[in-house]
Amino acid sequence: MPLYSFHCKKCNKESEVLAGFDETPGCPRCGSTRMERLPSRPAAPLTYKSYVRKMRAQAAKEGDLSNFSRAERTKFKA
């Protein structure tokens, strides 16, 4: 089941709830069934190459060079 965001019209709080697409769950805070599903933001497209490049740069920045080859490690050690 996907995770959806809902707004409770009774207690005026937002919650993320596991629910089916056609299901309207009760509020986890007050128990009301007056829940309104909020629109979700789409995820930005991410290519695999850009993800790998980003994660490798983050690892190098943090000093973790275990996912780099021996030749690449020498570039970062100065």
Protein backbone atom coordinates (compact mmCIF):
# COMPACT_ATOMS: atom_id res chain seq x y z
CA MET A 1 0.00 0.00 0.00
CA PRO A 2 1.27 3.47 -0.79
CA LEU A 3 1.79 6.26 1.73
CA TYR A 4 -0.59 9.20 1.25
CA SER A 5 -0.85 12.58 2.96
CA PHE A 6 -4.22 13.51 4.44
CA HIS A 7 -5.64 16.60 6.12
CA CYS A 8 -8.13 16.11 8.95
CA LYS A 9 -10.98 18.59 8.76
CA LYS A 10 -11.86 18.04 12.43
CA CYS A 11 -8.50 18.58 14.19
CA ASN A 12 -6.86 20.52 11.30
CA LYS A 13 -3.72 18.31 11.30
CA GLU A 14 -1.87 16.64 8.43
CA SER A 15 -0.82 13.00 8.56
CA GLU A 16 0.83 10.46 6.29
CA VAL A 17 -1.14 7.21 6.25
CA LEU A 18 -0.77 3.87 4.48
CA ALA A 19 -4.01 3.55 2.55
CA GLY A 20 -5.44 2.09 -0.62
CA PHE A 21 -6.28 4.48 -3.45
CA ASP A 22 -10.05 4.40 -2.84
CA GLU A 23 -9.75 4.20 0.94
CA THR A 24 -10.29 7.13 3.31
CA PRO A 25 -8.69 6.23 6.66
CA GLY A 26 -9.47 7.62 10.09
CA CYS A 27 -7.33 10.37 11.54
CA PRO A 28 -4.49 8.88 13.64
CA ARG A 29 -4.71 11.86 16.02
CA CYS A 30 -8.43 12.28 16.71
CA GLY A 31 -10.07 9.29 15.00
CA SER A 32 -12.29 11.36 12.69
CA THR A 33 -13.14 10.02 9.25
CA ARG A 34 -13.35 13.55 7.79
CA MET A 35 -10.01 13.17 6.01
CA GLU A 36 -9.10 14.90 2.76
CA ARG A 37 -6.36 13.43 0.56
CA LEU A 38 -3.69 16.00 -0.27
CA PRO A 39 -2.10 16.19 -3.71
CA SER A 40 1.36 14.68 -3.79
CA ARG A 41 4.38 16.24 -5.40
CA PRO A 42 5.93 14.22 -8.21
CA ALA A 43 9.52 13.14 -7.78
CA ALA A 44 12.05 14.75 -10.05
CA PRO A 45 13.40 12.40 -12.71
CA LEU A 46 16.77 11.02 -11.73
CA THR A 47 19.02 9.14 -14.09
CA TYR A 48 21.14 6.35 -12.73
CA LYS A 49 24.39 7.97 -13.88
CA SER A 50 23.58 11.26 -12.15
CA TYR A 51 22.65 9.39 -8.97
CA VAL A 52 25.93 7.45 -8.94
CA ARG A 53 27.92 10.62 -9.62
CA LYS A 54 26.13 12.44 -6.79
CA MET A 55 26.59 9.59 -4.28
CA ARG A 56 30.26 9.12 -5.17
CA ALA A 57 30.90 12.84 -4.75
CA GLN A 58 29.18 12.75 -1.36
CA ALA A 59 31.24 9.72 -0.29
CA ALA A 60 34.49 11.41 -1.35
CA LYS A 61 33.51 14.57 0.51
CA GLU A 62 32.95 12.50 3.67
CA GLY A 63 36.27 10.68 3.22
CA ASP A 64 34.78 7.28 2.37
CA LEU A 65 36.71 6.07 -0.65
CA SER A 66 35.73 2.38 -0.45
CA ASN A 67 33.58 2.57 -3.59
CA PHE A 68 36.41 4.01 -5.70
CA SER A 69 39.06 2.05 -7.60
CA ARG A 70 42.69 2.16 -6.42
CA ALA A 71 43.57 4.58 -9.27
CA GLU A 72 40.67 6.87 -8.34
CA ARG A 73 41.64 6.89 -4.65
CA THR A 74 45.00 8.48 -5.43
CA LYS A 75 43.22 11.47 -6.95
CA PHE A 76 41.55 12.28 -3.65
CA LYS A 77 44.51 11.68 -1.33
CA ALA A 78 46.67 14.74 -1.30
